[in-house]
């Protein structure tokens, strides 16, 4: 099992969200995923800046989802 972080940026002014972005590297548990989700959200807010956040009502949300990876077939190396 792998935990994947998906981040979504939205605008309350436009009442819309950008397409979700799922980070390719997984996490060993939900705790680590959530910690990194808050860090990545914080970093993105700083990158966008106060003016754009306030003008467009931008907010960031994220989710940590469990993904069950299929077992490799015998004889096939991963």
N, C-alpha and C. Protein backbone atom coordinates (compact mmCIF):
# COMPACT_ATOMS: atom_id res chain seq x y z
N UNK A 1 0.84 -1.17 0.00
CA UNK A 1 0.00 0.00 0.00
C UNK A 1 0.89 1.24 0.00
N UNK A 2 0.41 2.26 -0.67
CA UNK A 2 1.14 3.50 -0.81
C UNK A 2 0.16 4.64 -0.56
N UNK A 3 0.61 5.72 0.04
CA UNK A 3 -0.22 6.90 0.28
C UNK A 3 0.22 7.98 -0.70
N UNK A 4 -0.72 8.54 -1.46
CA UNK A 4 -0.40 9.58 -2.43
C UNK A 4 -1.03 10.91 -2.01
N UNK A 5 -0.27 11.98 -2.23
CA UNK A 5 -0.71 13.34 -1.92
C UNK A 5 -1.26 14.00 -3.18
N UNK A 6 -2.50 14.49 -3.10
CA UNK A 6 -3.12 15.23 -4.19
C UNK A 6 -3.45 16.63 -3.69
N UNK A 7 -3.03 17.64 -4.46
CA UNK A 7 -3.25 19.04 -4.09
C UNK A 7 -4.17 19.67 -5.14
N UNK A 8 -5.09 20.50 -4.65
CA UNK A 8 -6.02 21.21 -5.54
C UNK A 8 -6.02 22.69 -5.15
N UNK A 9 -5.85 23.56 -6.15
CA UNK A 9 -5.92 25.00 -5.93
C UNK A 9 -7.24 25.51 -6.47
N UNK A 10 -7.92 26.34 -5.67
CA UNK A 10 -9.23 26.85 -6.04
C UNK A 10 -9.30 28.36 -5.87
N UNK A 11 -10.31 28.94 -6.52
CA UNK A 11 -10.60 30.36 -6.38
C UNK A 11 -12.05 30.51 -5.94
N UNK A 12 -12.25 31.16 -4.79
CA UNK A 12 -13.62 31.40 -4.33
C UNK A 12 -14.29 32.48 -5.17
N UNK A 13 -13.50 33.38 -5.77
CA UNK A 13 -14.05 34.44 -6.61
C UNK A 13 -14.59 33.87 -7.93
N UNK A 14 -13.84 32.95 -8.53
CA UNK A 14 -14.25 32.35 -9.81
C UNK A 14 -15.11 31.10 -9.60
N UNK A 15 -15.21 30.66 -8.34
CA UNK A 15 -15.97 29.47 -8.00
C UNK A 15 -15.54 28.27 -8.84
N UNK A 16 -14.21 28.09 -8.91
CA UNK A 16 -13.67 26.98 -9.71
C UNK A 16 -12.33 26.53 -9.10
N UNK A 17 -11.91 25.34 -9.51
CA UNK A 17 -10.63 24.79 -9.07
C UNK A 17 -9.83 24.36 -10.29
N UNK A 18 -8.51 24.39 -10.16
CA UNK A 18 -7.64 23.82 -11.18
C UNK A 18 -7.72 22.31 -11.08
N UNK A 19 -7.26 21.62 -12.11
CA UNK A 19 -7.21 20.16 -12.05
C UNK A 19 -6.32 19.73 -10.89
N UNK A 20 -6.70 18.66 -10.20
CA UNK A 20 -5.87 18.16 -9.10
C UNK A 20 -4.49 17.74 -9.60
N UNK A 21 -3.50 17.90 -8.73
CA UNK A 21 -2.16 17.42 -9.05
C UNK A 21 -1.79 16.38 -8.00
N UNK A 22 -1.46 15.17 -8.44
CA UNK A 22 -1.01 14.11 -7.54
C UNK A 22 0.49 13.95 -7.67
N UNK A 23 1.17 14.08 -6.56
CA UNK A 23 2.63 13.94 -6.55
C UNK A 23 2.99 12.48 -6.80
N UNK A 24 4.01 12.24 -7.63
CA UNK A 24 4.33 10.85 -8.02
C UNK A 24 4.96 10.02 -6.89
N UNK A 25 5.65 10.66 -5.97
CA UNK A 25 6.28 9.91 -4.89
C UNK A 25 5.29 9.70 -3.76
N UNK A 26 5.19 8.47 -3.30
CA UNK A 26 4.24 8.14 -2.24
C UNK A 26 4.85 8.27 -0.86
N UNK A 27 4.03 8.03 0.13
CA UNK A 27 4.43 8.12 1.53
C UNK A 27 4.15 6.79 2.20
N UNK A 28 4.87 6.53 3.29
CA UNK A 28 4.71 5.27 3.99
C UNK A 28 3.45 5.24 4.84
N UNK A 29 2.99 6.43 5.27
CA UNK A 29 1.76 6.48 6.06
C UNK A 29 1.07 7.84 5.89
N UNK A 30 -0.15 7.93 6.39
CA UNK A 30 -0.94 9.15 6.24
C UNK A 30 -0.34 10.32 7.01
N UNK A 31 0.29 10.02 8.13
CA UNK A 31 0.92 11.06 8.95
C UNK A 31 1.96 11.83 8.15
N UNK A 32 2.87 11.11 7.50
CA UNK A 32 3.92 11.77 6.70
C UNK A 32 3.31 12.53 5.52
N UNK A 33 2.30 11.95 4.90
CA UNK A 33 1.62 12.61 3.78
C UNK A 33 0.98 13.92 4.23
N UNK A 34 0.28 13.89 5.36
CA UNK A 34 -0.39 15.10 5.85
C UNK A 34 0.62 16.19 6.20
N UNK A 35 1.71 15.82 6.85
CA UNK A 35 2.74 16.81 7.18
C UNK A 35 3.26 17.48 5.91
N UNK A 36 3.55 16.67 4.90
CA UNK A 36 4.07 17.22 3.65
C UNK A 36 2.99 18.01 2.90
N UNK A 37 1.74 17.59 3.02
CA UNK A 37 0.64 18.32 2.40
C UNK A 37 0.54 19.74 2.94
N UNK A 38 0.68 19.90 4.25
CA UNK A 38 0.64 21.23 4.85
C UNK A 38 1.86 22.06 4.44
N UNK A 39 3.01 21.42 4.37
CA UNK A 39 4.23 22.13 3.95
C UNK A 39 4.10 22.58 2.50
N UNK A 40 3.68 21.69 1.61
CA UNK A 40 3.54 22.04 0.19
C UNK A 40 2.47 23.12 -0.01
N UNK A 41 1.37 23.04 0.74
CA UNK A 41 0.32 24.06 0.65
C UNK A 41 0.86 25.42 1.12
N UNK A 42 1.58 25.41 2.21
CA UNK A 42 2.18 26.64 2.75
C UNK A 42 3.14 27.25 1.75
N UNK A 43 3.99 26.43 1.16
CA UNK A 43 4.97 26.91 0.17
C UNK A 43 4.26 27.51 -1.05
N UNK A 44 3.18 26.88 -1.50
CA UNK A 44 2.44 27.37 -2.67
C UNK A 44 1.77 28.71 -2.36
N UNK A 45 1.23 28.86 -1.17
CA UNK A 45 0.61 30.12 -0.76
C UNK A 45 1.65 31.24 -0.76
N UNK A 46 2.84 30.95 -0.23
CA UNK A 46 3.92 31.95 -0.24
C UNK A 46 4.34 32.29 -1.67
N UNK A 47 4.40 31.28 -2.53
CA UNK A 47 4.80 31.49 -3.93
C UNK A 47 3.78 32.38 -4.66
N UNK A 48 2.51 32.14 -4.44
CA UNK A 48 1.46 32.91 -5.11
C UNK A 48 1.45 34.35 -4.61
N UNK A 49 1.58 34.53 -3.32
CA UNK A 49 1.67 35.87 -2.74
C UNK A 49 0.36 36.44 -2.23
N UNK A 50 0.47 37.35 -1.30
CA UNK A 50 -0.67 37.95 -0.62
C UNK A 50 -1.66 38.60 -1.60
N UNK A 51 -1.14 39.39 -2.53
CA UNK A 51 -2.00 40.14 -3.44
C UNK A 51 -2.88 39.21 -4.28
N UNK A 52 -2.28 38.20 -4.89
CA UNK A 52 -3.04 37.27 -5.73
C UNK A 52 -4.03 36.44 -4.90
N UNK A 53 -3.60 36.02 -3.73
CA UNK A 53 -4.48 35.25 -2.84
C UNK A 53 -5.72 36.08 -2.51
N UNK A 54 -5.50 37.34 -2.10
CA UNK A 54 -6.60 38.20 -1.70
C UNK A 54 -7.47 38.63 -2.89
N UNK A 55 -6.85 38.91 -4.03
CA UNK A 55 -7.60 39.36 -5.20
C UNK A 55 -8.50 38.27 -5.75
N UNK A 56 -8.01 37.04 -5.81
CA UNK A 56 -8.74 35.94 -6.45
C UNK A 56 -9.37 34.96 -5.46
N UNK A 57 -9.17 35.20 -4.18
CA UNK A 57 -9.74 34.28 -3.18
C UNK A 57 -9.20 32.88 -3.32
N UNK A 58 -7.90 32.79 -3.55
CA UNK A 58 -7.27 31.48 -3.78
C UNK A 58 -7.12 30.72 -2.47
N UNK A 59 -7.43 29.45 -2.53
CA UNK A 59 -7.16 28.57 -1.40
C UNK A 59 -6.65 27.23 -1.92
N UNK A 60 -5.95 26.53 -1.05
CA UNK A 60 -5.34 25.24 -1.40
C UNK A 60 -5.94 24.17 -0.49
N UNK A 61 -6.29 23.05 -1.09
CA UNK A 61 -6.72 21.91 -0.30
C UNK A 61 -5.96 20.68 -0.78
N UNK A 62 -5.88 19.69 0.09
CA UNK A 62 -5.15 18.47 -0.28
C UNK A 62 -5.79 17.25 0.35
N UNK A 63 -5.40 16.10 -0.19
CA UNK A 63 -5.91 14.83 0.30
C UNK A 63 -4.81 13.79 0.24
N UNK A 64 -4.80 12.93 1.22
CA UNK A 64 -3.87 11.80 1.25
C UNK A 64 -4.71 10.53 1.06
N UNK A 65 -4.46 9.85 -0.05
CA UNK A 65 -5.27 8.68 -0.41
C UNK A 65 -4.43 7.42 -0.45
N UNK A 66 -5.02 6.34 0.04
CA UNK A 66 -4.34 5.04 -0.01
C UNK A 66 -4.53 4.44 -1.40
N UNK A 67 -3.44 3.93 -1.94
CA UNK A 67 -3.49 3.23 -3.21
C UNK A 67 -2.93 1.84 -2.97
N UNK A 68 -3.70 0.85 -3.36
CA UNK A 68 -3.23 -0.54 -3.21
C UNK A 68 -2.55 -0.93 -4.50
N UNK A 69 -1.27 -1.23 -4.40
CA UNK A 69 -0.48 -1.60 -5.57
C UNK A 69 -0.66 -3.09 -5.85
N UNK A 70 -0.82 -3.45 -7.12
CA UNK A 70 -0.96 -4.87 -7.44
C UNK A 70 0.34 -5.62 -7.17
N UNK A 71 0.19 -6.85 -6.78
CA UNK A 71 1.38 -7.69 -6.55
C UNK A 71 2.02 -8.01 -7.89
N UNK A 72 3.37 -7.98 -7.97
CA UNK A 72 4.02 -8.34 -9.23
C UNK A 72 3.76 -9.79 -9.59
N UNK A 73 3.64 -10.05 -10.88
CA UNK A 73 3.43 -11.43 -11.34
C UNK A 73 4.74 -12.21 -11.20
N UNK A 74 4.64 -13.47 -10.89
CA UNK A 74 5.85 -14.29 -10.75
C UNK A 74 6.68 -14.27 -12.02
N UNK A 75 7.98 -14.14 -11.85
CA UNK A 75 8.89 -14.16 -12.99
C UNK A 75 9.11 -12.78 -13.59
N UNK A 76 8.40 -11.78 -13.13
CA UNK A 76 8.58 -10.43 -13.64
C UNK A 76 9.20 -9.59 -12.55
N UNK A 77 10.36 -9.05 -12.85
CA UNK A 77 11.04 -8.23 -11.86
C UNK A 77 10.55 -6.78 -11.99
N UNK A 78 10.41 -6.12 -10.82
CA UNK A 78 9.97 -4.72 -10.85
C UNK A 78 11.11 -3.77 -10.62
